Protein backbone atom coordinates (compact mmCIF):
# COMPACT_ATOMS: atom_id res chain seq x y z
CA UNK A 1 -14.09 -20.67 9.44
CA UNK A 2 -14.01 -19.72 5.51
CA UNK A 3 -10.35 -19.05 4.25
CA UNK A 4 -8.34 -18.86 0.77
CA UNK A 5 -5.41 -20.71 1.41
CA UNK A 6 -2.61 -22.24 -0.81
CA UNK A 7 -0.65 -25.35 -0.03
CA UNK A 8 1.98 -24.88 -2.77
CA UNK A 9 3.33 -22.09 -4.58
CA UNK A 10 2.41 -21.27 -8.30
CA UNK A 11 -0.36 -19.55 -10.15
CA UNK A 12 -3.81 -18.22 -8.97
CA UNK A 13 -5.28 -21.70 -9.47
CA UNK A 14 -3.28 -22.73 -6.30
CA UNK A 15 -5.65 -20.43 -4.01
CA UNK A 16 -8.48 -22.45 -2.61
CA UNK A 17 -11.36 -21.79 -0.15
CA UNK A 18 -11.39 -24.14 2.53
CA UNK A 19 -12.96 -24.74 6.09
CA UNK A 20 -10.31 -24.54 8.82
CA UNK A 21 -10.36 -23.97 12.78
CA UNK A 22 -10.89 -20.53 13.53
CA UNK A 23 -7.67 -18.67 15.17
CA UNK A 24 -7.80 -18.00 18.88
CA UNK A 25 -6.14 -14.70 20.09
CA UNK A 26 -2.96 -15.10 22.05
CA UNK A 27 -2.76 -13.12 25.09
CA UNK A 28 -1.44 -9.82 23.49
CA UNK A 29 -3.63 -10.38 20.25
CA UNK A 30 -7.24 -9.70 19.09
CA UNK A 31 -9.22 -11.71 16.74
CA UNK A 32 -11.01 -9.69 14.50
CA UNK A 33 -14.27 -11.08 12.30
CA UNK A 34 -13.10 -9.29 8.88
CA UNK A 35 -15.61 -7.32 6.96
CA UNK A 36 -12.98 -6.32 4.10
CA UNK A 37 -9.46 -7.00 3.18
CA UNK A 38 -8.01 -6.23 0.03
CA UNK A 39 -5.63 -7.72 -2.67
CA UNK A 40 -2.28 -6.24 -3.21
CA UNK A 41 0.62 -6.75 -5.43
CA UNK A 42 2.90 -8.46 -2.75
CA UNK A 43 0.15 -11.09 -2.29
CA UNK A 44 1.16 -12.26 -5.73
CA UNK A 45 4.79 -12.51 -4.76
CA UNK A 46 4.31 -14.53 -1.82
CA UNK A 47 1.80 -16.79 -3.64
CA UNK A 48 4.50 -17.24 -6.26
CA UNK A 49 7.40 -17.94 -3.92
CA UNK A 50 9.46 -14.90 -5.02
CA UNK A 51 8.81 -13.93 -1.37
CA UNK A 52 8.84 -16.18 1.28
CA UNK A 53 5.97 -16.34 3.74
CA UNK A 54 5.61 -18.62 6.55
CA UNK A 55 5.21 -22.51 6.62
CA UNK A 56 2.61 -23.74 3.96
CA UNK A 57 -0.64 -23.85 3.93
CA UNK A 58 -0.73 -19.91 3.93
CA UNK A 59 -3.62 -17.31 4.06
CA UNK A 60 -3.10 -14.38 1.78
CA UNK A 61 -3.93 -10.86 2.48
CA UNK A 62 -2.04 -8.10 4.26
CA UNK A 63 -4.66 -5.79 5.31
CA UNK A 64 -8.34 -5.74 6.92
CA UNK A 65 -11.13 -4.18 8.50
CA UNK A 66 -13.61 -5.70 10.81
CA UNK A 67 -14.68 -6.04 14.32
CA UNK A 68 -13.10 -7.27 17.63
CA UNK A 69 -14.83 -10.47 18.48
CA UNK A 70 -12.16 -11.42 21.00
CA UNK A 71 -9.20 -9.86 22.91
CA UNK A 72 -6.21 -11.51 24.76
CA UNK A 73 -5.89 -11.54 28.24
CA UNK A 74 -3.36 -8.55 28.29
CA UNK A 75 -4.85 -6.28 25.87
CA UNK A 76 -6.37 -3.28 27.69
CA UNK A 77 -6.32 -0.69 24.58
CA UNK A 78 -9.34 -2.51 22.39
CA UNK A 79 -12.62 -4.26 23.57
CA UNK A 80 -15.22 -6.83 21.75
CA UNK A 81 -17.20 -4.80 19.40
CA UNK A 82 -14.64 -2.22 18.33
CA UNK A 83 -14.28 -1.29 14.84
CA UNK A 84 -10.44 -1.60 13.92
CA UNK A 85 -8.77 -1.86 10.50
CA UNK A 86 -4.73 -3.00 10.18
CA UNK A 87 -1.92 -4.32 8.42
CA UNK A 88 1.26 -5.84 8.02
CA UNK A 89 -0.15 -9.82 7.98
CA UNK A 90 0.31 -12.24 5.36
CA UNK A 91 4.34 -12.14 5.77
CA UNK A 92 5.40 -13.98 8.72
CA UNK A 93 2.19 -14.86 9.94
CA UNK A 94 -1.37 -15.88 8.20
CA UNK A 95 -2.79 -13.23 6.07
CA UNK A 96 -6.44 -11.71 5.79
CA UNK A 97 -8.45 -13.43 3.07
CA UNK A 98 -10.71 -15.32 5.46
CA UNK A 99 -13.61 -14.45 8.09
CA UNK A 100 -11.80 -14.14 11.16
CA UNK A 101 -7.94 -13.07 11.50
CA UNK A 102 -5.69 -12.70 14.84
CA UNK A 103 -3.72 -9.56 15.00
CA UNK A 104 -1.28 -8.24 17.80
CA UNK A 105 -2.44 -4.82 19.02
CA UNK A 106 0.75 -2.90 17.20
CA UNK A 107 -0.60 -3.32 13.71
CA UNK A 108 -4.18 -2.21 14.23
CA UNK A 109 -6.27 0.94 15.12
CA UNK A 110 -9.33 2.01 15.40
CA UNK A 111 -11.73 2.78 12.45
CA UNK A 112 -13.57 5.82 12.82
CA UNK A 113 -17.52 5.62 12.75
CA UNK A 114 -18.06 7.27 9.72
CA UNK A 115 -15.59 5.27 7.67
CA UNK A 116 -16.46 1.92 5.78
CA UNK A 117 -15.42 -1.14 6.50
CA UNK A 118 -14.20 -1.09 3.02
CA UNK A 119 -12.35 2.10 3.01
CA UNK A 120 -10.61 1.09 6.15
CA UNK A 121 -8.86 -2.19 4.40
CA UNK A 122 -8.42 -0.48 1.28
CA UNK A 123 -6.18 2.59 3.15
CA UNK A 124 -4.29 0.48 5.55
CA UNK A 125 -1.27 -1.33 3.58
CA UNK A 126 -1.20 1.38 0.84
CA UNK A 127 -1.64 4.26 3.18
CA UNK A 128 1.31 2.90 5.59
CA UNK A 129 3.83 2.61 2.65
CA UNK A 130 2.93 6.11 1.63
CA UNK A 131 3.43 7.51 4.85
CA UNK A 132 6.72 5.70 5.42
CA UNK A 133 7.97 6.53 2.09
CA UNK A 134 7.03 10.39 1.89
CA UNK A 135 6.76 11.33 5.75
CA UNK A 136 9.35 9.05 7.44
CA UNK A 137 12.03 8.10 4.94
CA UNK A 138 11.22 11.49 2.37
CA UNK A 139 10.77 13.81 5.04
CA UNK A 140 8.20 15.86 2.55
CA UNK A 141 7.82 19.39 3.84
CA UNK A 142 5.16 22.23 2.67
CA UNK A 143 5.59 23.85 -0.57
CA UNK A 144 8.20 20.88 -1.87
CA UNK A 145 7.60 19.30 -4.77
CA UNK A 146 6.88 15.56 -4.71
CA UNK A 147 6.70 13.22 -7.78
CA UNK A 148 4.89 10.20 -7.42
CA UNK A 149 5.32 7.73 -10.34
CA UNK A 150 2.00 5.09 -10.71
CA UNK A 151 -0.51 7.93 -9.39
CA UNK A 152 -3.17 5.96 -10.12
CA UNK A 153 -2.04 2.46 -8.26
CA UNK A 154 -3.07 1.34 -4.71
CA UNK A 155 0.11 3.39 -3.24
CA UNK A 156 0.01 6.02 -5.92
CA UNK A 157 -3.27 7.54 -5.27
CA UNK A 158 -3.10 7.63 -1.72
CA UNK A 159 0.46 8.71 -1.82
CA UNK A 160 -1.22 11.87 -4.16
CA UNK A 161 -3.57 12.82 -1.49
CA UNK A 162 -1.27 12.58 1.66
CA UNK A 163 1.67 14.46 -0.47
CA UNK A 164 -1.27 17.17 -1.15
CA UNK A 165 -2.25 17.03 2.79
CA UNK A 166 1.15 18.32 3.76
CA UNK A 167 0.97 21.17 1.26
CA UNK A 168 3.70 20.05 -1.41
CA UNK A 169 3.21 20.35 -4.93
CA UNK A 170 2.03 17.16 -6.37
CA UNK A 171 3.47 15.78 -9.96
CA UNK A 172 2.49 12.36 -10.73
CA UNK A 173 2.20 10.06 -13.61
CA UNK A 174 -0.71 8.01 -15.11
CA UNK A 175 -2.69 6.97 -18.36
CA UNK A 176 -4.32 9.62 -19.46
CA UNK A 177 -7.68 8.20 -18.57
CA UNK A 178 -6.85 8.82 -14.87
CA UNK A 179 -5.68 12.29 -15.13
CA UNK A 180 -8.93 14.26 -14.09
CA UNK A 181 -9.71 11.89 -11.31
CA UNK A 182 -5.97 12.41 -10.06
CA UNK A 183 -6.32 16.29 -10.34
CA UNK A 184 -9.42 16.04 -8.27
CA UNK A 185 -7.76 14.35 -5.34
CA UNK A 186 -5.05 16.69 -5.24
CA UNK A 187 -2.45 16.24 -7.87
CA UNK A 188 -1.05 19.75 -9.40
CA UNK A 189 0.29 18.07 -12.45
CA UNK A 190 -0.68 14.61 -14.18
CA UNK A 191 1.84 13.41 -16.93
CA UNK A 192 1.11 10.81 -19.15
CA UNK A 193 3.92 8.36 -18.73
CA UNK A 194 4.35 7.26 -22.04
CA UNK A 195 5.12 10.83 -23.57
CA UNK A 196 8.42 10.76 -25.01
CA UNK A 197 9.39 14.22 -23.28
CA UNK A 198 8.47 13.09 -19.72
CA UNK A 199 11.88 14.09 -18.24
CA UNK A 200 11.28 17.46 -19.43
CA UNK A 201 7.70 17.66 -18.66
CA UNK A 202 8.58 16.99 -14.82
CA UNK A 203 11.38 19.43 -14.75
CA UNK A 204 9.12 21.88 -16.35
CA UNK A 205 6.57 21.08 -13.70
CA UNK A 206 9.50 21.63 -11.13
CA UNK A 207 12.61 19.75 -10.31
CA UNK A 208 11.34 17.09 -7.65
CA UNK A 209 12.41 17.21 -3.77
CA UNK A 210 10.80 14.04 -2.79
CA UNK A 211 10.35 10.98 -5.19
CA UNK A 212 8.10 8.15 -4.70
CA UNK A 213 9.15 5.20 -6.92
CA UNK A 214 7.45 1.89 -7.76
CA UNK A 215 9.85 0.79 -10.44
CA UNK A 216 13.14 1.23 -9.81
CA UNK A 217 14.44 -0.89 -12.74
CA UNK A 218 12.94 1.59 -15.07
CA UNK A 219 13.17 4.70 -13.37
CA UNK A 220 16.39 5.27 -11.22
CA UNK A 221 18.54 6.85 -13.61
CA UNK A 222 15.33 9.08 -14.60
CA UNK A 223 14.97 10.30 -10.94
CA UNK A 224 18.28 11.12 -10.72
CA UNK A 225 18.19 13.05 -14.06
CA UNK A 226 15.00 15.16 -13.09
CA UNK A 227 15.88 15.26 -9.28
CA UNK A 228 16.44 18.52 -7.31
CA UNK A 229 19.75 19.53 -5.77
CA UNK A 230 19.70 17.08 -2.39
CA UNK A 231 16.73 15.16 -3.23
CA UNK A 232 15.27 12.32 -1.60
CA UNK A 233 14.42 9.31 -3.47
CA UNK A 234 12.16 6.27 -1.84
CA UNK A 235 12.01 2.87 -3.76
CA UNK A 236 9.03 0.65 -2.73
CA UNK A 237 8.97 -2.21 -5.54
CA UNK A 238 10.98 -2.95 -8.93
CA UNK A 239 9.95 -5.68 -11.57
CA UNK A 240 13.74 -6.94 -12.24
CA UNK A 241 15.82 -8.11 -9.91
CA UNK A 242 18.60 -5.65 -10.72
CA UNK A 243 18.37 -1.49 -10.85
CA UNK A 244 21.09 0.61 -11.56
CA UNK A 245 22.43 4.05 -12.42
CA UNK A 246 23.48 4.61 -16.38
CA UNK A 247 25.29 7.62 -15.09
CA UNK A 248 26.52 7.39 -11.83
CA UNK A 249 28.58 10.62 -11.59
CA UNK A 250 25.38 12.62 -12.81
CA UNK A 251 23.21 11.02 -9.46
CA UNK A 252 26.32 11.76 -7.14
CA UNK A 253 26.87 15.42 -8.40
CA UNK A 254 22.98 15.79 -6.90
CA UNK A 255 24.02 14.62 -3.55
CA UNK A 256 21.06 12.54 -3.51
CA UNK A 257 19.77 10.66 -0.78
CA UNK A 258 18.17 7.02 -2.05
CA UNK A 259 16.24 4.64 0.61
CA UNK A 260 14.85 1.60 -0.28
CA UNK A 261 12.03 0.53 1.56
CA UNK A 262 9.15 -2.22 2.77
CA UNK A 263 6.33 -1.47 4.67
CA UNK A 264 6.90 -4.66 6.74
CA UNK A 265 9.63 -3.19 8.30
CA UNK A 266 7.31 -0.22 9.63
CA UNK A 267 8.33 0.30 13.59
CA UNK A 268 4.81 1.19 14.76
CA UNK A 269 2.28 0.60 11.93
CA UNK A 270 -0.65 1.30 14.80
CA UNK A 271 0.57 4.93 14.93
CA UNK A 272 0.57 5.38 11.44
CA UNK A 273 -2.81 3.79 11.03
CA UNK A 274 -4.12 6.23 13.71
CA UNK A 275 -3.07 9.52 11.53
CA UNK A 276 -4.38 8.09 8.66
CA UNK A 277 -7.90 7.28 10.26
CA UNK A 278 -8.27 10.87 11.16
CA UNK A 279 -7.20 11.80 7.36
CA UNK A 280 -9.74 9.45 6.01
CA UNK A 281 -12.59 10.79 8.43
CA UNK A 282 -11.74 14.25 7.42
CA UNK A 283 -12.04 13.32 3.81
CA UNK A 284 -8.33 14.61 3.36
CA UNK A 285 -7.43 10.99 2.07
CA UNK A 286 -10.30 9.24 0.04
CA UNK A 287 -9.27 5.35 -0.87
CA UNK A 288 -10.49 4.44 -4.49
CA UNK A 289 -11.98 1.35 -4.55
CA UNK A 290 -12.15 0.01 -8.19
CA UNK A 291 -14.29 -3.82 -7.34
CA UNK A 292 -15.19 -6.04 -4.81
CA UNK A 293 -14.71 -9.85 -4.77
CA UNK A 294 -15.97 -12.81 -2.50
CA UNK A 295 -13.34 -15.23 -1.05
CA UNK A 296 -14.05 -17.65 -3.79
CA UNK A 297 -12.89 -14.89 -6.50
CA UNK A 298 -9.49 -14.16 -4.95
CA UNK A 299 -7.90 -15.75 -7.76
CA UNK A 300 -9.52 -14.03 -9.93
CA UNK A 301 -8.29 -10.70 -8.10
CA UNK A 302 -4.92 -11.44 -7.90
CA UNK A 303 -4.69 -11.91 -11.88
CA UNK A 304 -6.59 -8.43 -11.92
CA UNK A 305 -4.05 -6.82 -9.73
CA UNK A 306 -1.15 -7.34 -12.02
CA UNK A 307 -3.05 -7.66 -15.15
CA UNK A 308 -5.68 -4.97 -15.19
CA UNK A 309 -5.60 -1.29 -15.61
CA UNK A 310 -7.59 0.30 -12.56
CA UNK A 311 -7.30 3.28 -9.94
CA UNK A 312 -7.16 2.21 -6.66
CA UNK A 313 -7.53 -0.97 -4.60
CA UNK A 314 -9.40 -4.50 -4.98
CA UNK A 315 -11.28 -5.10 -2.00
CA UNK A 316 -12.51 -8.70 -0.78
CA UNK A 317 -15.75 -9.06 1.16
CA UNK A 318 -15.39 -12.54 3.27
């Protein structure tokens, strides 16, 4: 099969398309013919070496959608030909930017007939991340106010829709060019994150009960300043290695709960994927796809995911 691999850590130029043996599923695994995968910022962290994957050479990519090609001897829940989507790969096991991938059954779910492969791949990692943050850790409830930093991002645009589907009031930040699109998918208030009075604008929209933060090194103190009493802050990322409060006592006075998380620690990915599949099939969550790439263009996609401004996800079609 054709697969994208890197043999050493470095920039996007270390990625190359190679012909390698097609993997065989273990007794509890599926072999999936990949119809779509996506590129996420985390793929670049593994490639650069700031996050350590398994032994090199390594295939990047965390999520996928496709058709079951073969099933392990112990698998009973899936059959050859089933349409599936999944995530959680590319960390401790080889990733998804390839023509075939093997996956354990607890990181995969059926893809509804009305949902395209591109949509399934596009919602997998970011959807599980948003669910884990807002529902599992944030305990977001109807009529609460939810602040999503970076609403145009992969996780952000799904988190806005997921929060809206729960009945929460949704406030998000994004560049002005994306405001109308975010309002169309469920945001009640969209604020330009460049504005000087951003904190005041968030508080005017409603002190958030739950905050999803993808840049803790930039916004942790901001979150504490605008949060409601007893708010839950969930951090999913940062640019610098360090993040901290400038005013700990002010944060402590609000009795905040702060959770740092990784999607890869989700205890039952398949259960979350099943819920997401229903939401996508019902039109409650619509993953936005900004562009598609071939396997030979994954290096370009990994540059674009960090350097370009876009709303939604970048999809790879093997």
